[in-house]
Amino acid sequence: MEKKDDTPLWVFLAFSSINTRKGALILIWGCVLFTFYCIPWSLFFSDQAWVSKIFLIDDWSWLAMMIPMIIWYWVSLKWVDKNSAWEDQ
């Protein structure tokens, strides 16, 4: 991302090492997938032993952190799109 004088710090920190919109979308979708992994599935399927071996998270704290991060990345993406701050590739 191209750093301009009017770029807010929260936007710059979100995409400081990402140069393209495609890279930002990959980051956001990767976070969405990890958020689904962070759902404590072992609490819902306690009778299935394989679920607790694959899904190691057994509380809601990771999910509670991931949702604000996705919102931050999404709002930052919208700001960069609106202000056309992506580098020309």
C-alpha atoms as a PDB file:
ATOM      1  CA  MET A   1       0.000   0.000   0.000  1.00  0.00           C
ATOM      2  CA  GLU A   2       1.211   3.436  -0.840  1.00  0.00           C
ATOM      3  CA  LYS A   3       1.580   5.615   2.281  1.00  0.00           C
ATOM      4  CA  LYS A   4       0.130   9.062   1.707  1.00  0.00           C
ATOM      5  CA  ASP A   5       0.068  12.009   4.085  1.00  0.00           C
ATOM      6  CA  ASP A   6      -3.666  11.596   4.716  1.00  0.00           C
ATOM      7  CA  THR A   7      -3.481   7.839   5.385  1.00  0.00           C
ATOM      8  CA  PRO A   8      -4.611   7.131   8.958  1.00  0.00           C
ATOM      9  CA  LEU A   9      -2.266   5.129  11.141  1.00  0.00           C
ATOM     10  CA  TRP A  10      -4.847   2.352  11.677  1.00  0.00           C
ATOM     11  CA  VAL A  11      -5.100   1.813   7.906  1.00  0.00           C
ATOM     12  CA  PHE A  12      -1.349   1.866   7.430  1.00  0.00           C
ATOM     13  CA  LEU A  13      -0.831  -0.677  10.213  1.00  0.00           C
ATOM     14  CA  ALA A  14      -3.407  -3.004   8.685  1.00  0.00           C
ATOM     15  CA  PHE A  15      -1.801  -3.133   5.239  1.00  0.00           C
ATOM     16  CA  SER A  16       1.734  -1.826   5.682  1.00  0.00           C
ATOM     17  CA  SER A  17       3.376  -4.785   3.942  1.00  0.00           C
ATOM     18  CA  ILE A  18       0.579  -5.573   1.473  1.00  0.00           C
ATOM     19  CA  ASN A  19       0.920  -3.868  -1.878  1.00  0.00           C
ATOM     20  CA  THR A  20      -2.168  -5.009  -3.762  1.00  0.00           C
ATOM     21  CA  ARG A  21      -5.887  -5.259  -3.201  1.00  0.00           C
ATOM     22  CA  LYS A  22      -5.691  -8.960  -4.038  1.00  0.00           C
ATOM     23  CA  GLY A  23      -3.186  -9.456  -1.211  1.00  0.00           C
ATOM     24  CA  ALA A  24      -5.500  -7.636   1.196  1.00  0.00           C
ATOM     25  CA  LEU A  25      -8.432  -9.822   0.155  1.00  0.00           C
ATOM     26  CA  ILE A  26      -6.331 -12.954   0.667  1.00  0.00           C
ATOM     27  CA  LEU A  27      -5.494 -11.708   4.171  1.00  0.00           C
ATOM     28  CA  ILE A  28      -9.151 -11.016   4.970  1.00  0.00           C
ATOM     29  CA  TRP A  29     -10.399 -14.365   3.649  1.00  0.00           C
ATOM     30  CA  GLY A  30      -7.609 -16.176   5.494  1.00  0.00           C
ATOM     31  CA  CYS A  31      -8.762 -14.483   8.694  1.00  0.00           C
ATOM     32  CA  VAL A  32     -12.372 -15.480   7.973  1.00  0.00           C
ATOM     33  CA  LEU A  33     -11.340 -19.121   7.546  1.00  0.00           C
ATOM     34  CA  PHE A  34      -9.284 -19.046  10.736  1.00  0.00           C
ATOM     35  CA  THR A  35     -12.250 -17.469  12.537  1.00  0.00           C
ATOM     36  CA  PHE A  36     -14.386 -20.489  11.639  1.00  0.00           C
ATOM     37  CA  TYR A  37     -11.609 -22.706  12.971  1.00  0.00           C
ATOM     38  CA  CYS A  38     -11.658 -20.679  16.214  1.00  0.00           C
ATOM     39  CA  ILE A  39     -15.222 -21.657  17.003  1.00  0.00           C
ATOM     40  CA  PRO A  40     -14.901 -24.130  19.902  1.00  0.00           C
ATOM     41  CA  TRP A  41     -16.300 -27.079  17.980  1.00  0.00           C
ATOM     42  CA  SER A  42     -15.190 -29.511  20.685  1.00  0.00           C
ATOM     43  CA  LEU A  43     -17.824 -28.008  23.004  1.00  0.00           C
ATOM     44  CA  PHE A  44     -20.566 -28.850  20.513  1.00  0.00           C
ATOM     45  CA  PHE A  45     -19.322 -32.340  19.584  1.00  0.00           C
ATOM     46  CA  SER A  46     -17.982 -33.621  22.889  1.00  0.00           C
ATOM     47  CA  ASP A  47     -18.874 -37.218  22.055  1.00  0.00           C
ATOM     48  CA  GLN A  48     -16.601 -37.212  18.979  1.00  0.00           C
ATOM     49  CA  ALA A  49     -12.937 -37.687  19.935  1.00  0.00           C
ATOM     50  CA  TRP A  50     -11.617 -36.741  16.499  1.00  0.00           C
ATOM     51  CA  VAL A  51     -13.214 -33.273  16.735  1.00  0.00           C
ATOM     52  CA  SER A  52     -11.192 -32.380  19.826  1.00  0.00           C
ATOM     53  CA  LYS A  53      -8.016 -33.644  18.120  1.00  0.00           C
ATOM     54  CA  ILE A  54      -8.509 -31.530  14.995  1.00  0.00           C
ATOM     55  CA  PHE A  55     -10.032 -28.442  16.600  1.00  0.00           C
ATOM     56  CA  LEU A  56      -7.754 -27.681  19.514  1.00  0.00           C
ATOM     57  CA  ILE A  57      -9.499 -24.504  20.671  1.00  0.00           C
ATOM     58  CA  ASP A  58     -11.916 -25.106  23.524  1.00  0.00           C
ATOM     59  CA  ASP A  59     -12.962 -21.575  24.535  1.00  0.00           C
ATOM     60  CA  TRP A  60     -14.390 -18.464  22.911  1.00  0.00           C
ATOM     61  CA  SER A  61     -11.388 -16.144  23.398  1.00  0.00           C
ATOM     62  CA  TRP A  62      -9.840 -16.663  19.957  1.00  0.00           C
ATOM     63  CA  LEU A  63     -13.126 -16.044  18.225  1.00  0.00           C
ATOM     64  CA  ALA A  64     -13.600 -12.895  20.284  1.00  0.00           C
ATOM     65  CA  MET A  65     -10.234 -11.611  19.013  1.00  0.00           C
ATOM     66  CA  MET A  66     -10.690 -12.602  15.386  1.00  0.00           C
ATOM     67  CA  ILE A  67     -13.996 -10.841  14.750  1.00  0.00           C
ATOM     68  CA  PRO A  68     -12.680  -7.327  15.571  1.00  0.00           C
ATOM     69  CA  MET A  69      -9.586  -8.041  13.455  1.00  0.00           C
ATOM     70  CA  ILE A  70     -11.724  -8.931  10.432  1.00  0.00           C
ATOM     71  CA  ILE A  71     -13.774  -5.773  10.919  1.00  0.00           C
ATOM     72  CA  TRP A  72     -10.559  -3.704  11.167  1.00  0.00           C
ATOM     73  CA  TYR A  73      -9.162  -5.212   7.966  1.00  0.00           C
ATOM     74  CA  TRP A  74     -12.467  -4.783   6.134  1.00  0.00           C
ATOM     75  CA  VAL A  75     -12.878  -1.125   7.161  1.00  0.00           C
ATOM     76  CA  SER A  76      -9.233  -0.479   6.225  1.00  0.00           C
ATOM     77  CA  LEU A  77      -9.808  -2.083   2.828  1.00  0.00           C
ATOM     78  CA  LYS A  78     -12.813   0.150   2.230  1.00  0.00           C
ATOM     79  CA  TRP A  79     -10.783   3.235   3.203  1.00  0.00           C
ATOM     80  CA  VAL A  80      -7.951   2.320   0.832  1.00  0.00           C
ATOM     81  CA  ASP A  81     -10.404   1.593  -1.989  1.00  0.00           C
ATOM     82  CA  LYS A  82     -12.182   4.901  -1.446  1.00  0.00           C
ATOM     83  CA  ASN A  83      -8.936   6.875  -1.406  1.00  0.00           C
ATOM     84  CA  SER A  84      -7.231   4.855  -4.179  1.00  0.00           C
ATOM     85  CA  ALA A  85      -4.070   4.231  -2.203  1.00  0.00           C
ATOM     86  CA  TRP A  86      -3.139   0.908  -3.848  1.00  0.00           C
ATOM     87  CA  GLU A  87       0.100   0.863  -5.788  1.00  0.00           C
ATOM     88  CA  ASP A  88      -0.225   0.454  -9.532  1.00  0.00           C
ATOM     89  CA  GLN A  89       0.980  -3.005 -10.520  1.00  0.00           C
END
